[in-house]
Amino acid sequence: MNLQTAAYELSAGTARQLPPSSLPEIVFSGRSNVGKSTLLNKLLGRKALARVSATPGKTVTINFYRVDTARFVDFPGYGYAKRPDSERRRWADLAEGYFAGGRRVALVVQLIDMRHAPSKDDLTMLHYLTDAALPFVVVYTKADKLNKTEFARRLAELEQELAFVPPQTARVPFSALSGLGVEALRQHILQAAEPADPLPEGE
């Protein structure tokens, strides 16, 4: 899979707007302002394919990007306190519609802000992925915001905080600034997406 071929395809604001799942899909999930757009741009070697905003809760749709023989699926951030209840329900319905739709989920990249303990919403998502036996990796973002001592301490704490996550699940500290974890995450994505042969478009 050639990551340099990434191109925006479409956005879905409701489950009915979701496109057919004709290719392996790599899903990016995390709370608002966890750094999903920055991570996507870094992975794909692009400056602004995914829009980066300083305002939490800016992305409210599932955005699809065609990347060679796969699709990257950028979920809207969850857990933004100022989002109205109607928007939170719409997000929940959208996520449920996606995962219940029999889609070709090759891998879920679940982002956690390394600086803090996982939020209630983070834990809910991780429990769901674990219980549903979906393939996923956990990415610890904003690693560059910690010094060496803080980094080591948070790694140890996260092992305890996420003790319920299957031990074979990869944990990848990540920094878009330093490049930490970029190549490791690319390899996880390539290994997940490559084995499946694409179906013809529309099937």
C-alpha atoms as a PDB file:
ATOM      1  CA  MET A   1       0.000   0.000   0.000  1.00  0.00           C
ATOM      2  CA  ASN A   2       1.446   3.323  -1.093  1.00  0.00           C
ATOM      3  CA  LEU A   3       0.681   5.920   1.592  1.00  0.00           C
ATOM      4  CA  GLN A   4       1.690   8.746  -0.737  1.00  0.00           C
ATOM      5  CA  THR A   5      -1.470   8.259  -2.814  1.00  0.00           C
ATOM      6  CA  ALA A   6      -3.855   9.488  -0.096  1.00  0.00           C
ATOM      7  CA  ALA A   7      -6.784  11.566  -1.296  1.00  0.00           C
ATOM      8  CA  TYR A   8      -9.941  12.804   0.427  1.00  0.00           C
ATOM      9  CA  GLU A   9     -13.068  10.961  -0.743  1.00  0.00           C
ATOM     10  CA  LEU A  10     -16.114  11.974   1.270  1.00  0.00           C
ATOM     11  CA  SER A  11     -17.609  12.800   4.671  1.00  0.00           C
ATOM     12  CA  ALA A  12     -20.568  11.143   6.385  1.00  0.00           C
ATOM     13  CA  GLY A  13     -22.595  12.902   9.067  1.00  0.00           C
ATOM     14  CA  THR A  14     -25.126  10.092   9.568  1.00  0.00           C
ATOM     15  CA  ALA A  15     -25.014   6.313   9.289  1.00  0.00           C
ATOM     16  CA  ARG A  16     -27.145   6.451   6.125  1.00  0.00           C
ATOM     17  CA  GLN A  17     -24.443   8.516   4.418  1.00  0.00           C
ATOM     18  CA  LEU A  18     -21.737   5.898   4.971  1.00  0.00           C
ATOM     19  CA  PRO A  19     -20.333   4.601   1.665  1.00  0.00           C
ATOM     20  CA  PRO A  20     -20.127   0.902   0.745  1.00  0.00           C
ATOM     21  CA  SER A  21     -17.187  -0.845   2.379  1.00  0.00           C
ATOM     22  CA  SER A  22     -15.323  -2.148  -0.667  1.00  0.00           C
ATOM     23  CA  LEU A  23     -11.759  -1.896   0.697  1.00  0.00           C
ATOM     24  CA  PRO A  24      -9.955  -2.670   3.976  1.00  0.00           C
ATOM     25  CA  GLU A  25     -10.512   0.247   6.351  1.00  0.00           C
ATOM     26  CA  ILE A  26      -8.079   1.704   8.889  1.00  0.00           C
ATOM     27  CA  VAL A  27     -10.075   3.576  11.526  1.00  0.00           C
ATOM     28  CA  PHE A  28      -8.666   6.452  13.599  1.00  0.00           C
ATOM     29  CA  SER A  29     -10.506   7.096  16.859  1.00  0.00           C
ATOM     30  CA  GLY A  30      -9.920   9.274  19.913  1.00  0.00           C
ATOM     31  CA  ARG A  31     -11.208  12.096  22.040  1.00  0.00           C
ATOM     32  CA  SER A  32     -11.428  15.661  20.768  1.00  0.00           C
ATOM     33  CA  ASN A  33      -8.071  17.404  20.412  1.00  0.00           C
ATOM     34  CA  VAL A  34      -6.060  14.183  20.917  1.00  0.00           C
ATOM     35  CA  GLY A  35      -4.142  14.845  17.703  1.00  0.00           C
ATOM     36  CA  LYS A  36      -5.834  12.625  15.117  1.00  0.00           C
ATOM     37  CA  SER A  37      -5.522  15.049  12.207  1.00  0.00           C
ATOM     38  CA  THR A  38      -1.884  15.789  13.045  1.00  0.00           C
ATOM     39  CA  LEU A  39      -1.153  12.061  13.230  1.00  0.00           C
ATOM     40  CA  LEU A  40      -2.872  11.389   9.902  1.00  0.00           C
ATOM     41  CA  ASN A  41      -0.951  14.139   8.141  1.00  0.00           C
ATOM     42  CA  LYS A  42       2.341  12.881   9.591  1.00  0.00           C
ATOM     43  CA  LEU A  43       1.648   9.271   8.608  1.00  0.00           C
ATOM     44  CA  LEU A  44       0.760  10.230   5.075  1.00  0.00           C
ATOM     45  CA  GLY A  45       3.571  12.758   4.661  1.00  0.00           C
ATOM     46  CA  ARG A  46       1.108  15.575   3.959  1.00  0.00           C
ATOM     47  CA  LYS A  47       0.791  18.988   5.568  1.00  0.00           C
ATOM     48  CA  ALA A  48      -2.944  19.540   5.463  1.00  0.00           C
ATOM     49  CA  LEU A  49      -4.813  16.543   4.036  1.00  0.00           C
ATOM     50  CA  ALA A  50      -6.661  16.226   7.339  1.00  0.00           C
ATOM     51  CA  ARG A  51      -7.611  19.600   8.766  1.00  0.00           C
ATOM     52  CA  VAL A  52      -5.950  20.460  12.066  1.00  0.00           C
ATOM     53  CA  SER A  53      -7.901  22.741  14.387  1.00  0.00           C
ATOM     54  CA  ALA A  54      -7.056  24.322  17.727  1.00  0.00           C
ATOM     55  CA  THR A  55     -10.754  24.155  18.582  1.00  0.00           C
ATOM     56  CA  PRO A  56     -11.820  20.840  20.171  1.00  0.00           C
ATOM     57  CA  GLY A  57     -14.857  19.165  18.632  1.00  0.00           C
ATOM     58  CA  LYS A  58     -14.335  20.762  15.216  1.00  0.00           C
ATOM     59  CA  THR A  59     -14.672  17.520  13.241  1.00  0.00           C
ATOM     60  CA  VAL A  60     -18.285  16.260  13.359  1.00  0.00           C
ATOM     61  CA  THR A  61     -18.283  13.805  10.450  1.00  0.00           C
ATOM     62  CA  ILE A  62     -16.567  10.540   9.593  1.00  0.00           C
ATOM     63  CA  ASN A  63     -14.066  11.462   6.894  1.00  0.00           C
ATOM     64  CA  PHE A  64     -12.921   8.887   4.340  1.00  0.00           C
ATOM     65  CA  TYR A  65      -9.558   9.002   2.562  1.00  0.00           C
ATOM     66  CA  ARG A  66      -8.611   6.649  -0.262  1.00  0.00           C
ATOM     67  CA  VAL A  67      -5.062   5.384   0.291  1.00  0.00           C
ATOM     68  CA  ASP A  68      -4.105   3.102  -2.588  1.00  0.00           C
ATOM     69  CA  THR A  69      -5.733  -0.291  -1.842  1.00  0.00           C
ATOM     70  CA  ALA A  70      -7.316   0.754   1.462  1.00  0.00           C
ATOM     71  CA  ARG A  71      -9.281   3.559   3.093  1.00  0.00           C
ATOM     72  CA  PHE A  72      -8.375   5.625   6.129  1.00  0.00           C
ATOM     73  CA  VAL A  73     -11.452   6.477   8.200  1.00  0.00           C
ATOM     74  CA  ASP A  74     -11.152   9.514  10.474  1.00  0.00           C
ATOM     75  CA  PHE A  75     -13.782   9.436  13.218  1.00  0.00           C
ATOM     76  CA  PRO A  76     -14.992  12.668  14.843  1.00  0.00           C
ATOM     77  CA  GLY A  77     -13.489  13.253  18.269  1.00  0.00           C
ATOM     78  CA  TYR A  78     -15.589  12.249  21.248  1.00  0.00           C
ATOM     79  CA  GLY A  79     -15.885  13.618  24.760  1.00  0.00           C
ATOM     80  CA  TYR A  80     -15.951  17.352  24.031  1.00  0.00           C
ATOM     81  CA  ALA A  81     -17.810  18.815  27.010  1.00  0.00           C
ATOM     82  CA  LYS A  82     -19.260  21.835  25.175  1.00  0.00           C
ATOM     83  CA  ARG A  83     -20.899  19.754  22.455  1.00  0.00           C
ATOM     84  CA  PRO A  84     -24.703  19.659  22.893  1.00  0.00           C
ATOM     85  CA  ASP A  85     -26.401  16.406  23.861  1.00  0.00           C
ATOM     86  CA  SER A  86     -27.970  16.121  20.408  1.00  0.00           C
ATOM     87  CA  GLU A  87     -24.509  16.150  18.829  1.00  0.00           C
ATOM     88  CA  ARG A  88     -23.227  13.545  21.282  1.00  0.00           C
ATOM     89  CA  ARG A  89     -26.169  11.278  20.443  1.00  0.00           C
ATOM     90  CA  ARG A  90     -25.525  11.779  16.738  1.00  0.00           C
ATOM     91  CA  TRP A  91     -21.872  10.824  17.251  1.00  0.00           C
ATOM     92  CA  ALA A  92     -22.906   7.679  19.134  1.00  0.00           C
ATOM     93  CA  ASP A  93     -25.430   6.738  16.436  1.00  0.00           C
ATOM     94  CA  LEU A  94     -22.837   7.378  13.716  1.00  0.00           C
ATOM     95  CA  ALA A  95     -20.180   5.244  15.421  1.00  0.00           C
ATOM     96  CA  GLU A  96     -22.661   2.452  16.175  1.00  0.00           C
ATOM     97  CA  GLY A  97     -23.898   2.530  12.575  1.00  0.00           C
ATOM     98  CA  TYR A  98     -20.352   2.256  11.305  1.00  0.00           C
ATOM     99  CA  PHE A  99     -19.252  -0.670  13.465  1.00  0.00           C
ATOM    100  CA  ALA A 100     -22.585  -2.509  13.165  1.00  0.00           C
ATOM    101  CA  GLY A 101     -22.548  -2.248   9.387  1.00  0.00           C
ATOM    102  CA  GLY A 102     -20.374  -5.258   8.653  1.00  0.00           C
ATOM    103  CA  ARG A 103     -17.561  -3.103   7.348  1.00  0.00           C
ATOM    104  CA  ARG A 104     -14.094  -4.364   6.418  1.00  0.00           C
ATOM    105  CA  VAL A 105     -12.315  -3.014   9.488  1.00  0.00           C
ATOM    106  CA  ALA A 106      -8.673  -4.023   9.093  1.00  0.00           C
ATOM    107  CA  LEU A 107      -7.418  -2.054  12.087  1.00  0.00           C
ATOM    108  CA  VAL A 108      -8.589   0.552  14.596  1.00  0.00           C
ATOM    109  CA  VAL A 109      -5.953   3.064  15.673  1.00  0.00           C
ATOM    110  CA  GLN A 110      -7.156   4.204  19.091  1.00  0.00           C
ATOM    111  CA  LEU A 111      -5.473   7.419  20.234  1.00  0.00           C
ATOM    112  CA  ILE A 112      -4.903   8.272  23.903  1.00  0.00           C
ATOM    113  CA  ASP A 113      -3.332  11.498  25.171  1.00  0.00           C
ATOM    114  CA  MET A 114      -0.252  10.146  26.924  1.00  0.00           C
ATOM    115  CA  ARG A 115      -0.094  13.038  29.393  1.00  0.00           C
ATOM    116  CA  HIS A 116      -3.299  12.052  31.185  1.00  0.00           C
ATOM    117  CA  ALA A 117      -5.107   8.991  32.457  1.00  0.00           C
ATOM    118  CA  PRO A 118      -7.571   7.654  29.877  1.00  0.00           C
ATOM    119  CA  SER A 119     -10.956   9.356  30.069  1.00  0.00           C
ATOM    120  CA  LYS A 120     -14.217   7.517  30.698  1.00  0.00           C
ATOM    121  CA  ASP A 121     -14.950   7.737  26.971  1.00  0.00           C
ATOM    122  CA  ASP A 122     -11.479   6.387  26.135  1.00  0.00           C
ATOM    123  CA  LEU A 123     -12.068   3.399  28.408  1.00  0.00           C
ATOM    124  CA  THR A 124     -15.535   2.808  26.958  1.00  0.00           C
ATOM    125  CA  MET A 125     -14.088   2.718  23.447  1.00  0.00           C
ATOM    126  CA  LEU A 126     -11.231   0.415  24.443  1.00  0.00           C
ATOM    127  CA  HIS A 127     -13.609  -1.967  26.220  1.00  0.00           C
ATOM    128  CA  TYR A 128     -15.820  -2.005  23.131  1.00  0.00           C
ATOM    129  CA  LEU A 129     -12.906  -2.795  20.812  1.00  0.00           C
ATOM    130  CA  THR A 130     -11.704  -5.521  23.176  1.00  0.00           C
ATOM    131  CA  ASP A 131     -15.137  -7.105  23.670  1.00  0.00           C
ATOM    132  CA  ALA A 132     -15.901  -6.961  19.938  1.00  0.00           C
ATOM    133  CA  ALA A 133     -12.541  -8.621  19.165  1.00  0.00           C
ATOM    134  CA  LEU A 134     -11.737  -5.922  16.645  1.00  0.00           C
ATOM    135  CA  PRO A 135      -8.084  -5.582  15.623  1.00  0.00           C
ATOM    136  CA  PHE A 136      -6.626  -2.442  17.171  1.00  0.00           C
ATOM    137  CA  VAL A 137      -3.499  -0.690  18.343  1.00  0.00           C
ATOM    138  CA  VAL A 138      -3.261   1.969  21.039  1.00  0.00           C
ATOM    139  CA  VAL A 139      -1.290   5.093  20.169  1.00  0.00           C
ATOM    140  CA  TYR A 140      -0.082   7.369  22.966  1.00  0.00           C
ATOM    141  CA  THR A 141      -0.068  10.857  21.461  1.00  0.00           C
ATOM    142  CA  LYS A 142       1.703  14.057  22.551  1.00  0.00           C
ATOM    143  CA  ALA A 143       4.714  12.100  23.820  1.00  0.00           C
ATOM    144  CA  ASP A 144       6.939  15.105  23.082  1.00  0.00           C
ATOM    145  CA  LYS A 145       5.107  17.089  25.771  1.00  0.00           C
ATOM    146  CA  LEU A 146       6.716  14.935  28.475  1.00  0.00           C
ATOM    147  CA  ASN A 147      10.291  14.912  29.720  1.00  0.00           C
ATOM    148  CA  LYS A 148      12.139  11.594  30.096  1.00  0.00           C
ATOM    149  CA  THR A 149      11.070  11.061  33.694  1.00  0.00           C
ATOM    150  CA  GLU A 150       7.418  11.901  32.984  1.00  0.00           C
ATOM    151  CA  PHE A 151       7.481   9.718  29.861  1.00  0.00           C
ATOM    152  CA  ALA A 152       8.713   6.667  31.768  1.00  0.00           C
ATOM    153  CA  ARG A 153       6.245   7.268  34.602  1.00  0.00           C
ATOM    154  CA  ARG A 154       3.273   7.581  32.258  1.00  0.00           C
ATOM    155  CA  LEU A 155       4.264   4.431  30.348  1.00  0.00           C
ATOM    156  CA  ALA A 156       4.240   2.492  33.599  1.00  0.00           C
ATOM    157  CA  GLU A 157       0.940   4.040  34.702  1.00  0.00           C
ATOM    158  CA  LEU A 158      -0.695   3.308  31.348  1.00  0.00           C
ATOM    159  CA  GLU A 159       0.222  -0.346  31.699  1.00  0.00           C
ATOM    160  CA  GLN A 160      -1.890  -0.399  34.853  1.00  0.00           C
ATOM    161  CA  GLU A 161      -4.659   1.863  33.532  1.00  0.00           C
ATOM    162  CA  LEU A 162      -5.063  -0.305  30.425  1.00  0.00           C
ATOM    163  CA  ALA A 163      -4.421  -3.663  32.054  1.00  0.00           C
ATOM    164  CA  PHE A 164      -7.680  -5.018  30.572  1.00  0.00           C
ATOM    165  CA  VAL A 165      -6.431  -4.482  27.001  1.00  0.00           C
ATOM    166  CA  PRO A 166      -5.169  -7.765  25.506  1.00  0.00           C
ATOM    167  CA  PRO A 167      -1.400  -8.048  26.030  1.00  0.00           C
ATOM    168  CA  GLN A 168      -0.784  -8.730  22.328  1.00  0.00           C
ATOM    169  CA  THR A 169      -2.248  -5.325  21.453  1.00  0.00           C
ATOM    170  CA  ALA A 170       0.534  -2.968  20.388  1.00  0.00           C
ATOM    171  CA  ARG A 171       1.052   0.266  22.299  1.00  0.00           C
ATOM    172  CA  VAL A 172       2.865   2.949  20.299  1.00  0.00           C
ATOM    173  CA  PRO A 173       4.116   6.206  21.878  1.00  0.00           C
ATOM    174  CA  PHE A 174       3.825   8.857  19.173  1.00  0.00           C
ATOM    175  CA  SER A 175       5.115  12.352  18.457  1.00  0.00           C
ATOM    176  CA  ALA A 176       4.452  14.165  15.196  1.00  0.00           C
ATOM    177  CA  LEU A 177       7.137  16.664  16.207  1.00  0.00           C
ATOM    178  CA  SER A 178      10.018  14.218  16.762  1.00  0.00           C
ATOM    179  CA  GLY A 179       8.738  11.391  14.566  1.00  0.00           C
ATOM    180  CA  LEU A 180       8.629   8.952  17.488  1.00  0.00           C
ATOM    181  CA  GLY A 181       6.423   5.983  16.611  1.00  0.00           C
ATOM    182  CA  VAL A 182       5.651   7.080  13.049  1.00  0.00           C
ATOM    183  CA  GLU A 183       7.409   4.196  11.312  1.00  0.00           C
ATOM    184  CA  ALA A 184       6.181   1.631  13.848  1.00  0.00           C
ATOM    185  CA  LEU A 185       2.575   2.725  13.305  1.00  0.00           C
ATOM    186  CA  ARG A 186       2.999   2.680   9.528  1.00  0.00           C
ATOM    187  CA  GLN A 187       4.177  -0.923   9.747  1.00  0.00           C
ATOM    188  CA  HIS A 188       1.168  -1.954  11.861  1.00  0.00           C
ATOM    189  CA  ILE A 189      -1.143  -0.338   9.308  1.00  0.00           C
ATOM    190  CA  LEU A 190       0.575  -1.903   6.317  1.00  0.00           C
ATOM    191  CA  GLN A 191       0.524  -5.357   7.897  1.00  0.00           C
ATOM    192  CA  ALA A 192      -3.188  -5.013   8.687  1.00  0.00           C
ATOM    193  CA  ALA A 193      -4.253  -3.697   5.282  1.00  0.00           C
ATOM    194  CA  GLU A 194      -2.111  -5.671   2.864  1.00  0.00           C
ATOM    195  CA  PRO A 195      -3.433  -9.241   3.338  1.00  0.00           C
ATOM    196  CA  ALA A 196      -6.964  -8.443   2.157  1.00  0.00           C
ATOM    197  CA  ASP A 197      -7.605  -8.260  -1.579  1.00  0.00           C
ATOM    198  CA  PRO A 198      -9.782  -5.284  -2.580  1.00  0.00           C
ATOM    199  CA  LEU A 199     -13.251  -5.956  -3.871  1.00  0.00           C
ATOM    200  CA  PRO A 200     -14.515  -4.190  -6.993  1.00  0.00           C
ATOM    201  CA  GLU A 201     -15.895  -0.741  -6.260  1.00  0.00           C
ATOM    202  CA  GLY A 202     -19.554  -0.758  -5.247  1.00  0.00           C
ATOM    203  CA  GLU A 203     -19.581  -4.293  -3.823  1.00  0.00           C
END
